[in-house]
Full PDB file with SEQRES, HELIX, SHEET, SSBOND, CRYST1, ORIGX, SCALE, CONECT and MASTER records, all heavy atoms in Angstrom:
SEQRES   1 A   40  ILE LYS ASN ASN ILE CYS THR PHE VAL ALA LEU ASP GLY          
SEQRES   2 A   40  TYR ARG MET ALA VAL LYS LYS ASP LYS ILE ASP TYR ASP          
SEQRES   3 A   40  GLY GLU VAL SER VAL ILE VAL PRO SER LYS THR LEU VAL          
SEQRES   4 A   40  GLU                                                          
HELIX    1 AA1 SER A   35  VAL A   39  1                                   5    
SHEET    1 AA1 2 ILE A   5  LEU A  11  0                                        
SHEET    2 AA1 2 MET A  16  LYS A  22 -1                                        
CRYST1    1.000    1.000    1.000  90.00  90.00  90.00 P 1           1          
ORIGX1      1.000000  0.000000  0.000000        0.00000                         
ORIGX2      0.000000  1.000000  0.000000        0.00000                         
ORIGX3      0.000000  0.000000  1.000000        0.00000                         
SCALE1      1.000000  0.000000  0.000000        0.00000                         
SCALE2      0.000000  1.000000  0.000000        0.00000                         
SCALE3      0.000000  0.000000  1.000000        0.00000                         
ATOM      1  N   ILE A   1     178.279 -31.192 -42.120  1.00  0.00           N  
ATOM      2  CA  ILE A   1     178.925 -31.208 -43.436  1.00  0.00           C  
ATOM      3  C   ILE A   1     178.283 -30.139 -44.310  1.00  0.00           C  
ATOM      4  O   ILE A   1     177.052 -30.110 -44.463  1.00  0.00           O  
ATOM      5  CB  ILE A   1     178.787 -32.578 -44.128  1.00  0.00           C  
ATOM      6  CG1 ILE A   1     179.418 -33.688 -43.282  1.00  0.00           C  
ATOM      7  CG2 ILE A   1     179.454 -32.553 -45.508  1.00  0.00           C  
ATOM      8  CD1 ILE A   1     179.236 -35.085 -43.867  1.00  0.00           C  
ATOM      9  N   LYS A   2     179.101 -29.254 -44.828  1.00  0.00           N  
ATOM     10  CA  LYS A   2     178.648 -28.297 -45.844  1.00  0.00           C  
ATOM     11  C   LYS A   2     179.867 -27.780 -46.591  1.00  0.00           C  
ATOM     12  O   LYS A   2     180.964 -27.687 -46.043  1.00  0.00           O  
ATOM     13  CB  LYS A   2     177.846 -27.151 -45.224  1.00  0.00           C  
ATOM     14  CG  LYS A   2     178.522 -26.345 -44.151  1.00  0.00           C  
ATOM     15  CD  LYS A   2     177.550 -25.318 -43.578  1.00  0.00           C  
ATOM     16  CE  LYS A   2     178.190 -24.515 -42.446  1.00  0.00           C  
ATOM     17  NZ  LYS A   2     177.248 -23.556 -41.847  1.00  0.00           N  
ATOM     18  N   ASN A   3     179.648 -27.482 -47.867  1.00  0.00           N  
ATOM     19  CA  ASN A   3     180.734 -26.994 -48.741  1.00  0.00           C  
ATOM     20  C   ASN A   3     181.931 -27.947 -48.755  1.00  0.00           C  
ATOM     21  O   ASN A   3     183.082 -27.511 -48.729  1.00  0.00           O  
ATOM     22  CB  ASN A   3     181.173 -25.593 -48.317  1.00  0.00           C  
ATOM     23  CG  ASN A   3     180.027 -24.595 -48.360  1.00  0.00           C  
ATOM     24  OD1 ASN A   3     179.172 -24.677 -49.232  1.00  0.00           O  
ATOM     25  ND2 ASN A   3     180.006 -23.673 -47.404  1.00  0.00           N  
ATOM     26  N   ASN A   4     181.642 -29.261 -48.741  1.00  0.00           N  
ATOM     27  CA  ASN A   4     182.687 -30.298 -48.784  1.00  0.00           C  
ATOM     28  C   ASN A   4     183.634 -30.256 -47.588  1.00  0.00           C  
ATOM     29  O   ASN A   4     184.771 -30.730 -47.659  1.00  0.00           O  
ATOM     30  CB  ASN A   4     183.506 -30.198 -50.082  1.00  0.00           C  
ATOM     31  CG  ASN A   4     182.661 -30.451 -51.313  1.00  0.00           C  
ATOM     32  OD1 ASN A   4     182.367 -29.528 -52.073  1.00  0.00           O  
ATOM     33  ND2 ASN A   4     182.253 -31.686 -51.519  1.00  0.00           N  
ATOM     34  N   ILE A   5     183.180 -29.700 -46.475  1.00  0.00           N  
ATOM     35  CA  ILE A   5     183.957 -29.688 -45.232  1.00  0.00           C  
ATOM     36  C   ILE A   5     183.159 -30.419 -44.157  1.00  0.00           C  
ATOM     37  O   ILE A   5     181.987 -30.110 -43.915  1.00  0.00           O  
ATOM     38  CB  ILE A   5     184.261 -28.250 -44.748  1.00  0.00           C  
ATOM     39  CG1 ILE A   5     185.110 -27.508 -45.780  1.00  0.00           C  
ATOM     40  CG2 ILE A   5     184.962 -28.285 -43.392  1.00  0.00           C  
ATOM     41  CD1 ILE A   5     186.529 -28.022 -45.925  1.00  0.00           C  
ATOM     42  N   CYS A   6     183.800 -31.392 -43.518  1.00  0.00           N  
ATOM     43  CA  CYS A   6     183.186 -32.116 -42.403  1.00  0.00           C  
ATOM     44  C   CYS A   6     183.731 -31.542 -41.097  1.00  0.00           C  
ATOM     45  O   CYS A   6     184.950 -31.479 -40.902  1.00  0.00           O  
ATOM     46  CB  CYS A   6     183.496 -33.607 -42.498  1.00  0.00           C  
ATOM     47  SG  CYS A   6     182.712 -34.584 -41.197  1.00  0.00           S  
ATOM     48  N   THR A   7     182.828 -31.098 -40.220  1.00  0.00           N  
ATOM     49  CA  THR A   7     183.218 -30.479 -38.954  1.00  0.00           C  
ATOM     50  C   THR A   7     182.656 -31.274 -37.790  1.00  0.00           C  
ATOM     51  O   THR A   7     181.464 -31.613 -37.775  1.00  0.00           O  
ATOM     52  CB  THR A   7     182.695 -29.027 -38.873  1.00  0.00           C  
ATOM     53  OG1 THR A   7     183.139 -28.289 -40.009  1.00  0.00           O  
ATOM     54  CG2 THR A   7     183.188 -28.343 -37.605  1.00  0.00           C  
ATOM     55  N   PHE A   8     183.514 -31.587 -36.829  1.00  0.00           N  
ATOM     56  CA  PHE A   8     183.092 -32.200 -35.567  1.00  0.00           C  
ATOM     57  C   PHE A   8     183.236 -31.152 -34.464  1.00  0.00           C  
ATOM     58  O   PHE A   8     184.272 -30.489 -34.379  1.00  0.00           O  
ATOM     59  CB  PHE A   8     183.974 -33.411 -35.215  1.00  0.00           C  
ATOM     60  CG  PHE A   8     183.535 -34.706 -35.848  1.00  0.00           C  
ATOM     61  CD1 PHE A   8     183.221 -34.763 -37.196  1.00  0.00           C  
ATOM     62  CD2 PHE A   8     183.461 -35.868 -35.098  1.00  0.00           C  
ATOM     63  CE1 PHE A   8     182.833 -35.959 -37.791  1.00  0.00           C  
ATOM     64  CE2 PHE A   8     183.073 -37.071 -35.681  1.00  0.00           C  
ATOM     65  CZ  PHE A   8     182.756 -37.117 -37.021  1.00  0.00           C  
ATOM     66  N   VAL A   9     182.201 -31.011 -33.627  1.00  0.00           N  
ATOM     67  CA  VAL A   9     182.231 -30.036 -32.538  1.00  0.00           C  
ATOM     68  C   VAL A   9     181.777 -30.704 -31.249  1.00  0.00           C  
ATOM     69  O   VAL A   9     180.747 -31.392 -31.227  1.00  0.00           O  
ATOM     70  CB  VAL A   9     181.309 -28.824 -32.824  1.00  0.00           C  
ATOM     71  CG1 VAL A   9     181.466 -27.768 -31.734  1.00  0.00           C  
ATOM     72  CG2 VAL A   9     181.595 -28.223 -34.198  1.00  0.00           C  
ATOM     73  N   ALA A  10     182.539 -30.498 -30.176  1.00  0.00           N  
ATOM     74  CA  ALA A  10     182.160 -31.016 -28.861  1.00  0.00           C  
ATOM     75  C   ALA A  10     182.397 -29.938 -27.820  1.00  0.00           C  
ATOM     76  O   ALA A  10     183.384 -29.199 -27.892  1.00  0.00           O  
ATOM     77  CB  ALA A  10     182.972 -32.267 -28.517  1.00  0.00           C  
ATOM     78  N   LEU A  11     181.496 -29.831 -26.843  1.00  0.00           N  
ATOM     79  CA  LEU A  11     181.689 -28.865 -25.753  1.00  0.00           C  
ATOM     80  C   LEU A  11     180.951 -29.344 -24.517  1.00  0.00           C  
ATOM     81  O   LEU A  11     180.018 -30.142 -24.598  1.00  0.00           O  
ATOM     82  CB  LEU A  11     181.232 -27.463 -26.164  1.00  0.00           C  
ATOM     83  CG  LEU A  11     179.797 -27.263 -26.640  1.00  0.00           C  
ATOM     84  CD1 LEU A  11     178.854 -26.998 -25.477  1.00  0.00           C  
ATOM     85  CD2 LEU A  11     179.725 -26.084 -27.603  1.00  0.00           C  
ATOM     86  N   ASP A  12     181.400 -28.848 -23.366  1.00  0.00           N  
ATOM     87  CA  ASP A  12     180.762 -29.248 -22.109  1.00  0.00           C  
ATOM     88  C   ASP A  12     180.436 -28.063 -21.195  1.00  0.00           C  
ATOM     89  O   ASP A  12     180.068 -28.247 -20.036  1.00  0.00           O  
ATOM     90  CB  ASP A  12     181.648 -30.252 -21.354  1.00  0.00           C  
ATOM     91  CG  ASP A  12     182.985 -29.647 -20.926  1.00  0.00           C  
ATOM     92  OD1 ASP A  12     183.217 -28.442 -21.164  1.00  0.00           O  
ATOM     93  OD2 ASP A  12     183.807 -30.393 -20.342  1.00  0.00           O  
ATOM     94  N   GLY A  13     180.555 -26.856 -21.722  1.00  0.00           N  
ATOM     95  CA  GLY A  13     180.276 -25.676 -20.910  1.00  0.00           C  
ATOM     96  C   GLY A  13     181.522 -25.017 -20.366  1.00  0.00           C  
ATOM     97  O   GLY A  13     181.480 -23.859 -19.924  1.00  0.00           O  
ATOM     98  N   TYR A  14     182.663 -25.746 -20.404  1.00  0.00           N  
ATOM     99  CA  TYR A  14     183.937 -25.205 -19.914  1.00  0.00           C  
ATOM    100  C   TYR A  14     184.994 -25.138 -21.013  1.00  0.00           C  
ATOM    101  O   TYR A  14     185.939 -24.368 -20.926  1.00  0.00           O  
ATOM    102  CB  TYR A  14     184.478 -26.055 -18.756  1.00  0.00           C  
ATOM    103  CG  TYR A  14     183.538 -26.153 -17.587  1.00  0.00           C  
ATOM    104  CD1 TYR A  14     182.725 -27.272 -17.419  1.00  0.00           C  
ATOM    105  CD2 TYR A  14     183.442 -25.119 -16.649  1.00  0.00           C  
ATOM    106  CE1 TYR A  14     181.844 -27.366 -16.347  1.00  0.00           C  
ATOM    107  CE2 TYR A  14     182.572 -25.211 -15.575  1.00  0.00           C  
ATOM    108  CZ  TYR A  14     181.772 -26.332 -15.434  1.00  0.00           C  
ATOM    109  OH  TYR A  14     180.897 -26.423 -14.381  1.00  0.00           O  
ATOM    110  N   ARG A  15     184.819 -25.985 -22.031  1.00  0.00           N  
ATOM    111  CA  ARG A  15     185.761 -25.982 -23.159  1.00  0.00           C  
ATOM    112  C   ARG A  15     185.036 -26.472 -24.404  1.00  0.00           C  
ATOM    113  O   ARG A  15     183.946 -27.076 -24.315  1.00  0.00           O  
ATOM    114  CB  ARG A  15     187.002 -26.805 -22.870  1.00  0.00           C  
ATOM    115  CG  ARG A  15     186.996 -28.168 -22.296  1.00  0.00           C  
ATOM    116  CD  ARG A  15     186.322 -29.200 -22.242  1.00  0.00           C  
ATOM    117  NE  ARG A  15     186.367 -30.419 -21.577  1.00  0.00           N  
ATOM    118  CZ  ARG A  15     187.362 -31.271 -21.461  1.00  0.00           C  
ATOM    119  NH1 ARG A  15     188.552 -31.000 -21.888  1.00  0.00           N  
ATOM    120  NH2 ARG A  15     187.171 -32.430 -20.885  1.00  0.00           N  
ATOM    121  N   MET A  16     185.633 -26.218 -25.549  1.00  0.00           N  
ATOM    122  CA  MET A  16     185.032 -26.616 -26.817  1.00  0.00           C  
ATOM    123  C   MET A  16     186.138 -27.023 -27.789  1.00  0.00           C  
ATOM    124  O   MET A  16     187.172 -26.368 -27.869  1.00  0.00           O  
ATOM    125  CB  MET A  16     184.230 -25.450 -27.409  1.00  0.00           C  
ATOM    126  CG  MET A  16     183.621 -25.744 -28.788  1.00  0.00           C  
ATOM    127  SD  MET A  16     182.610 -24.380 -29.430  1.00  0.00           S  
ATOM    128  CE  MET A  16     183.910 -23.220 -29.918  1.00  0.00           C  
ATOM    129  N   ALA A  17     185.913 -28.111 -28.512  1.00  0.00           N  
ATOM    130  CA  ALA A  17     186.860 -28.579 -29.523  1.00  0.00           C  
ATOM    131  C   ALA A  17     186.171 -28.594 -30.881  1.00  0.00           C  
ATOM    132  O   ALA A  17     185.068 -29.134 -31.021  1.00  0.00           O  
ATOM    133  CB  ALA A  17     187.370 -29.982 -29.170  1.00  0.00           C  
ATOM    134  N   VAL A  18     186.818 -27.998 -31.876  1.00  0.00           N  
ATOM    135  CA  VAL A  18     186.281 -27.933 -33.240  1.00  0.00           C  
ATOM    136  C   VAL A  18     187.341 -28.456 -34.203  1.00  0.00           C  
ATOM    137  O   VAL A  18     188.444 -27.914 -34.274  1.00  0.00           O  
ATOM    138  CB  VAL A  18     185.898 -26.483 -33.632  1.00  0.00           C  
ATOM    139  CG1 VAL A  18     185.324 -26.464 -35.047  1.00  0.00           C  
ATOM    140  CG2 VAL A  18     184.919 -25.883 -32.639  1.00  0.00           C  
ATOM    141  N   LYS A  19     187.013 -29.521 -34.916  1.00  0.00           N  
ATOM    142  CA  LYS A  19     187.953 -30.129 -35.860  1.00  0.00           C  
ATOM    143  C   LYS A  19     187.305 -30.222 -37.240  1.00  0.00           C  
ATOM    144  O   LYS A  19     186.147 -30.649 -37.360  1.00  0.00           O  
ATOM    145  CB  LYS A  19     188.360 -31.531 -35.368  1.00  0.00           C  
ATOM    146  CG  LYS A  19     189.263 -32.313 -36.316  1.00  0.00           C  
ATOM    147  CD  LYS A  19     190.651 -31.736 -36.426  1.00  0.00           C  
ATOM    148  CE  LYS A  19     191.559 -32.644 -37.254  1.00  0.00           C  
ATOM    149  NZ  LYS A  19     192.863 -32.015 -37.537  1.00  0.00           N  
ATOM    150  N   LYS A  20     188.050 -29.826 -38.285  1.00  0.00           N  
ATOM    151  CA  LYS A  20     187.523 -29.832 -39.652  1.00  0.00           C  
ATOM    152  C   LYS A  20     188.426 -30.634 -40.581  1.00  0.00           C  
ATOM    153  O   LYS A  20     189.624 -30.711 -40.366  1.00  0.00           O  
ATOM    154  CB  LYS A  20     187.403 -28.392 -40.180  1.00  0.00           C  
ATOM    155  CG  LYS A  20     186.491 -27.495 -39.363  1.00  0.00           C  
ATOM    156  CD  LYS A  20     186.372 -26.112 -39.984  1.00  0.00           C  
ATOM    157  CE  LYS A  20     185.418 -25.241 -39.165  1.00  0.00           C  
ATOM    158  NZ  LYS A  20     185.160 -23.941 -39.813  1.00  0.00           N  
ATOM    159  N   ASP A  21     187.793 -31.197 -41.618  1.00  0.00           N  
ATOM    160  CA  ASP A  21     188.561 -31.869 -42.666  1.00  0.00           C  
ATOM    161  C   ASP A  21     187.740 -31.890 -43.949  1.00  0.00           C  
ATOM    162  O   ASP A  21     186.499 -31.855 -43.909  1.00  0.00           O  
ATOM    163  CB  ASP A  21     188.932 -33.300 -42.260  1.00  0.00           C  
ATOM    164  CG  ASP A  21     190.242 -33.754 -42.886  1.00  0.00           C  
ATOM    165  OD1 ASP A  21     190.584 -33.240 -43.966  1.00  0.00           O  
ATOM    166  OD2 ASP A  21     190.914 -34.623 -42.298  1.00  0.00           O  
ATOM    167  N   LYS A  22     188.425 -31.952 -45.079  1.00  0.00           N  
ATOM    168  CA  LYS A  22     187.736 -31.979 -46.368  1.00  0.00           C  
ATOM    169  C   LYS A  22     187.116 -33.357 -46.584  1.00  0.00           C  
ATOM    170  O   LYS A  22     187.634 -34.368 -46.124  1.00  0.00           O  
ATOM    171  CB  LYS A  22     188.726 -31.670 -47.494  1.00  0.00           C  
ATOM    172  CG  LYS A  22     189.267 -30.246 -47.452  1.00  0.00           C  
ATOM    173  CD  LYS A  22     190.306 -30.015 -48.548  1.00  0.00           C  
ATOM    174  CE  LYS A  22     190.871 -28.596 -48.463  1.00  0.00           C  
ATOM    175  NZ  LYS A  22     191.944 -28.351 -49.465  1.00  0.00           N  
ATOM    176  N   ILE A  23     185.985 -33.344 -47.298  1.00  0.00           N  
ATOM    177  CA  ILE A  23     185.289 -34.600 -47.567  1.00  0.00           C  
ATOM    178  C   ILE A  23     184.699 -34.545 -48.973  1.00  0.00           C  
ATOM    179  O   ILE A  23     184.283 -33.479 -49.445  1.00  0.00           O  
ATOM    180  CB  ILE A  23     184.189 -34.855 -46.502  1.00  0.00           C  
ATOM    181  CG1 ILE A  23     183.570 -36.238 -46.679  1.00  0.00           C  
ATOM    182  CG2 ILE A  23     183.109 -33.778 -46.561  1.00  0.00           C  
ATOM    183  CD1 ILE A  23     182.639 -36.631 -45.548  1.00  0.00           C  
ATOM    184  N   ASP A  24     184.667 -35.679 -49.641  1.00  0.00           N  
ATOM    185  CA  ASP A  24     184.141 -35.749 -51.004  1.00  0.00           C  
ATOM    186  C   ASP A  24     182.638 -36.033 -50.950  1.00  0.00           C  
ATOM    187  O   ASP A  24     182.176 -37.138 -51.235  1.00  0.00           O  
ATOM    188  CB  ASP A  24     184.881 -36.829 -51.794  1.00  0.00           C  
ATOM    189  CG  ASP A  24     184.476 -36.841 -53.261  1.00  0.00           C  
ATOM    190  OD1 ASP A  24     183.908 -35.832 -53.723  1.00  0.00           O  
ATOM    191  OD2 ASP A  24     184.719 -37.861 -53.935  1.00  0.00           O  
ATOM    192  N   TYR A  25     181.864 -35.024 -50.521  1.00  0.00           N  
ATOM    193  CA  TYR A  25     180.411 -35.153 -50.424  1.00  0.00           C  
ATOM    194  C   TYR A  25     179.800 -33.773 -50.586  1.00  0.00           C  
ATOM    195  O   TYR A  25     180.149 -32.839 -49.848  1.00  0.00           O  
ATOM    196  CB  TYR A  25     180.016 -35.772 -49.081  1.00  0.00           C  
ATOM    197  CG  TYR A  25     178.521 -35.908 -48.878  1.00  0.00           C  
ATOM    198  CD1 TYR A  25     177.762 -36.749 -49.678  1.00  0.00           C  
ATOM    199  CD2 TYR A  25     177.876 -35.195 -47.880  1.00  0.00           C  
ATOM    200  CE1 TYR A  25     176.395 -36.876 -49.501  1.00  0.00           C  
ATOM    201  CE2 TYR A  25     176.509 -35.317 -47.684  1.00  0.00           C  
ATOM    202  CZ  TYR A  25     175.765 -36.160 -48.499  1.00  0.00           C  
ATOM    203  OH  TYR A  25     174.412 -36.283 -48.316  1.00  0.00           O  
ATOM    204  N   ASP A  26     178.891 -33.641 -51.558  1.00  0.00           N  
ATOM    205  CA  ASP A  26     178.332 -32.330 -51.884  1.00  0.00           C  
ATOM    206  C   ASP A  26     177.102 -31.969 -51.049  1.00  0.00           C  
ATOM    207  O   ASP A  26     176.664 -30.817 -51.061  1.00  0.00           O  
ATOM    208  CB  ASP A  26     177.940 -32.274 -53.371  1.00  0.00           C  
ATOM    209  CG  ASP A  26     179.156 -32.386 -54.281  1.00  0.00           C  
ATOM    210  OD1 ASP A  26     180.225 -31.892 -53.870  1.00  0.00           O  
ATOM    211  OD2 ASP A  26     179.041 -32.973 -55.379  1.00  0.00           O  
ATOM    212  N   GLY A  27     176.542 -32.926 -50.336  1.00  0.00           N  
ATOM    213  CA  GLY A  27     175.328 -32.670 -49.571  1.00  0.00           C  
ATOM    214  C   GLY A  27     175.610 -31.955 -48.261  1.00  0.00           C  
ATOM    215  O   GLY A  27     176.745 -31.580 -47.955  1.00  0.00           O  
ATOM    216  N   GLU A  28     174.539 -31.760 -47.486  1.00  0.00           N  
ATOM    217  CA  GLU A  28     174.657 -31.117 -46.172  1.00  0.00           C  
ATOM    218  C   GLU A  28     174.125 -32.050 -45.093  1.00  0.00           C  
ATOM    219  O   GLU A  28     173.115 -32.730 -45.285  1.00  0.00           O  
ATOM    220  CB  GLU A  28     173.895 -29.784 -46.146  1.00  0.00           C  
ATOM    221  CG  GLU A  28     174.520 -28.716 -47.038  1.00  0.00           C  
ATOM    222  CD  GLU A  28     173.963 -27.324 -46.750  1.00  0.00           C  
ATOM    223  OE1 GLU A  28     173.085 -27.198 -45.867  1.00  0.00           O  
ATOM    224  OE2 GLU A  28     174.420 -26.368 -47.411  1.00  0.00           O  
ATOM    225  N   VAL A  29     174.830 -32.072 -43.971  1.00  0.00           N  
ATOM    226  CA  VAL A  29     174.458 -32.908 -42.825  1.00  0.00           C  
ATOM    227  C   VAL A  29     174.634 -32.087 -41.555  1.00  0.00           C  
ATOM    228  O   VAL A  29     175.586 -31.311 -41.445  1.00  0.00           O  
ATOM    229  CB  VAL A  29     175.340 -34.184 -42.759  1.00  0.00           C  
ATOM    230  CG1 VAL A  29     175.114 -34.934 -41.449  1.00  0.00           C  
ATOM    231  CG2 VAL A  29     175.071 -35.101 -43.944  1.00  0.00           C  
ATOM    232  N   SER A  30     173.733 -32.258 -40.608  1.00  0.00           N  
ATOM    233  CA  SER A  30     173.895 -31.639 -39.284  1.00  0.00           C  
ATOM    234  C   SER A  30     173.176 -32.516 -38.269  1.00  0.00           C  
ATOM    235  O   SER A  30     171.949 -32.482 -38.160  1.00  0.00           O  
ATOM    236  CB  SER A  30     173.328 -30.215 -39.264  1.00  0.00           C  
ATOM    237  OG  SER A  30     173.536 -29.616 -37.996  1.00  0.00           O  
ATOM    238  N   VAL A  31     173.956 -33.344 -37.558  1.00  0.00           N  
ATOM    239  CA  VAL A  31     173.395 -34.282 -36.586  1.00  0.00           C  
ATOM    240  C   VAL A  31     174.277 -34.307 -35.332  1.00  0.00           C  
ATOM    241  O   VAL A  31     175.445 -33.919 -35.376  1.00  0.00           O  
ATOM    242  CB  VAL A  31     173.277 -35.712 -37.156  1.00  0.00           C  
ATOM    243  CG1 VAL A  31     172.253 -35.754 -38.275  1.00  0.00           C  
ATOM    244  CG2 VAL A  31     174.631 -36.219 -37.643  1.00  0.00           C  
ATOM    245  N   ILE A  32     173.690 -34.766 -34.233  1.00  0.00           N  
ATOM    246  CA  ILE A  32     174.436 -34.863 -32.971  1.00  0.00           C  
ATOM    247  C   ILE A  32     174.516 -36.335 -32.579  1.00  0.00           C  
ATOM    248  O   ILE A  32     173.498 -36.996 -32.386  1.00  0.00           O  
ATOM    249  CB  ILE A  32     173.759 -34.036 -31.866  1.00  0.00           C  
ATOM    250  CG1 ILE A  32     173.594 -32.585 -32.331  1.00  0.00           C  
ATOM    251  CG2 ILE A  32     174.585 -34.082 -30.585  1.00  0.00           C  
ATOM    252  CD1 ILE A  32     172.615 -31.780 -31.493  1.00  0.00           C  
ATOM    253  N   VAL A  33     175.737 -36.843 -32.481  1.00  0.00           N  
ATOM    254  CA  VAL A  33     175.984 -38.271 -32.246  1.00  0.00           C  
ATOM    255  C   VAL A  33     176.520 -38.468 -30.827  1.00  0.00           C  
ATOM    256  O   VAL A  33     177.451 -37.774 -30.414  1.00  0.00           O  
ATOM    257  CB  VAL A  33     177.000 -38.821 -33.266  1.00  0.00           C  
ATOM    258  CG1 VAL A  33     177.235 -40.305 -33.049  1.00  0.00           C  
ATOM    259  CG2 VAL A  33     176.517 -38.557 -34.686  1.00  0.00           C  
ATOM    260  N   PRO A  34     175.944 -39.388 -30.051  1.00  0.00           N  
ATOM    261  CA  PRO A  34     176.454 -39.637 -28.690  1.00  0.00           C  
ATOM    262  C   PRO A  34     177.945 -39.951 -28.701  1.00  0.00           C  
ATOM    263  O   PRO A  34     178.427 -40.688 -29.564  1.00  0.00           O  
ATOM    264  CB  PRO A  34     175.633 -40.852 -28.230  1.00  0.00           C  
ATOM    265  CG  PRO A  34     174.390 -40.812 -29.052  1.00  0.00           C  
ATOM    266  CD  PRO A  34     174.796 -40.260 -30.385  1.00  0.00           C  
ATOM    267  N   SER A  35     178.676 -39.397 -27.731  1.00  0.00           N  
ATOM    268  CA  SER A  35     180.127 -39.626 -27.677  1.00  0.00           C  
ATOM    269  C   SER A  35     180.442 -41.103 -27.461  1.00  0.00           C  
ATOM    270  O   SER A  35     181.465 -41.601 -27.930  1.00  0.00           O  
ATOM    271  CB  SER A  35     180.760 -38.777 -26.565  1.00  0.00           C  
ATOM    272  OG  SER A  35     180.231 -39.133 -25.303  1.00  0.00           O  
ATOM    273  N   LYS A  36     179.550 -41.830 -26.770  1.00  0.00           N  
ATOM    274  CA  LYS A  36     179.763 -43.268 -26.554  1.00  0.00           C  
ATOM    275  C   LYS A  36     179.905 -43.994 -27.892  1.00  0.00           C  
ATOM    276  O   LYS A  36     180.755 -44.873 -28.050  1.00  0.00           O  
ATOM    277  CB  LYS A  36     178.576 -43.840 -25.766  1.00  0.00           C  
ATOM    278  CG  LYS A  36     178.615 -45.359 -25.598  1.00  0.00           C  
ATOM    279  CD  LYS A  36     177.344 -45.874 -24.949  1.00  0.00           C  
ATOM    280  CE  LYS A  36     177.335 -47.402 -24.901  1.00  0.00           C  
ATOM    281  NZ  LYS A  36     176.071 -47.944 -24.347  1.00  0.00           N  
ATOM    282  N   THR A  37     179.096 -43.609 -28.862  1.00  0.00           N  
ATOM    283  CA  THR A  37     179.162 -44.216 -30.186  1.00  0.00           C  
ATOM    284  C   THR A  37     180.495 -43.930 -30.851  1.00  0.00           C  
ATOM    285  O   THR A  37     181.137 -44.825 -31.417  1.00  0.00           O  
ATOM    286  CB  THR A  37     178.021 -43.678 -31.072  1.00  0.00           C  
ATOM    287  OG1 THR A  37     176.766 -43.958 -30.439  1.00  0.00           O  
ATOM    288  CG2 THR A  37     178.063 -44.302 -32.459  1.00  0.00           C  
ATOM    289  N   LEU A  38     180.940 -42.683 -30.770  1.00  0.00           N  
ATOM    290  CA  LEU A  38     182.192 -42.289 -31.418  1.00  0.00           C  
ATOM    291  C   LEU A  38     183.392 -42.968 -30.774  1.00  0.00           C  
ATOM    292  O   LEU A  38     184.352 -43.328 -31.458  1.00  0.00           O  
ATOM    293  CB  LEU A  38     182.341 -40.767 -31.375  1.00  0.00           C  
ATOM    294  CG  LEU A  38     181.232 -40.000 -32.106  1.00  0.00           C  
ATOM    295  CD1 LEU A  38     181.417 -38.501 -31.929  1.00  0.00           C  
ATOM    296  CD2 LEU A  38     181.203 -40.355 -33.584  1.00  0.00           C  
ATOM    297  N   VAL A  39     183.341 -43.157 -29.462  1.00  0.00           N  
ATOM    298  CA  VAL A  39     184.432 -43.855 -28.770  1.00  0.00           C  
ATOM    299  C   VAL A  39     184.542 -45.289 -29.272  1.00  0.00           C  
ATOM    300  O   VAL A  39     185.646 -45.807 -29.486  1.00  0.00           O  
ATOM    301  CB  VAL A  39     184.206 -43.828 -27.241  1.00  0.00           C  
ATOM    302  CG1 VAL A  39     185.169 -44.781 -26.532  1.00  0.00           C  
ATOM    303  CG2 VAL A  39     184.390 -42.421 -26.691  1.00  0.00           C  
ATOM    304  N   GLU A  40     183.406 -45.944 -29.488  1.00  0.00           N  
ATOM    305  CA  GLU A  40     183.430 -47.319 -29.988  1.00  0.00           C  
ATOM    306  C   GLU A  40     183.979 -47.386 -31.399  1.00  0.00           C  
ATOM    307  O   GLU A  40     184.721 -48.295 -31.760  1.00  0.00           O  
ATOM    308  CB  GLU A  40     182.029 -47.930 -29.927  1.00  0.00           C  
ATOM    309  CG  GLU A  40     181.546 -48.197 -28.518  1.00  0.00           C  
ATOM    310  CD  GLU A  40     182.585 -48.905 -27.673  1.00  0.00           C  
ATOM    311  OE1 GLU A  40     183.081 -49.968 -28.094  1.00  0.00           O  
ATOM    312  OE2 GLU A  40     182.932 -48.388 -26.602  1.00  0.00           O  
TER     313      GLU A  40                                                      
MASTER        0    0    0    1    2    0    0    6  312    1    0    4          
END                                                                             
């Protein structure tokens, strides 16, 4: 998260997906979350 944009990025060495959306948050975040968690 930066500049009020939330970005999700996933890749496996053969392909990469990048998705962005606006968010009402002025701070900055950069963390890596296990895909198992996101699936749940």
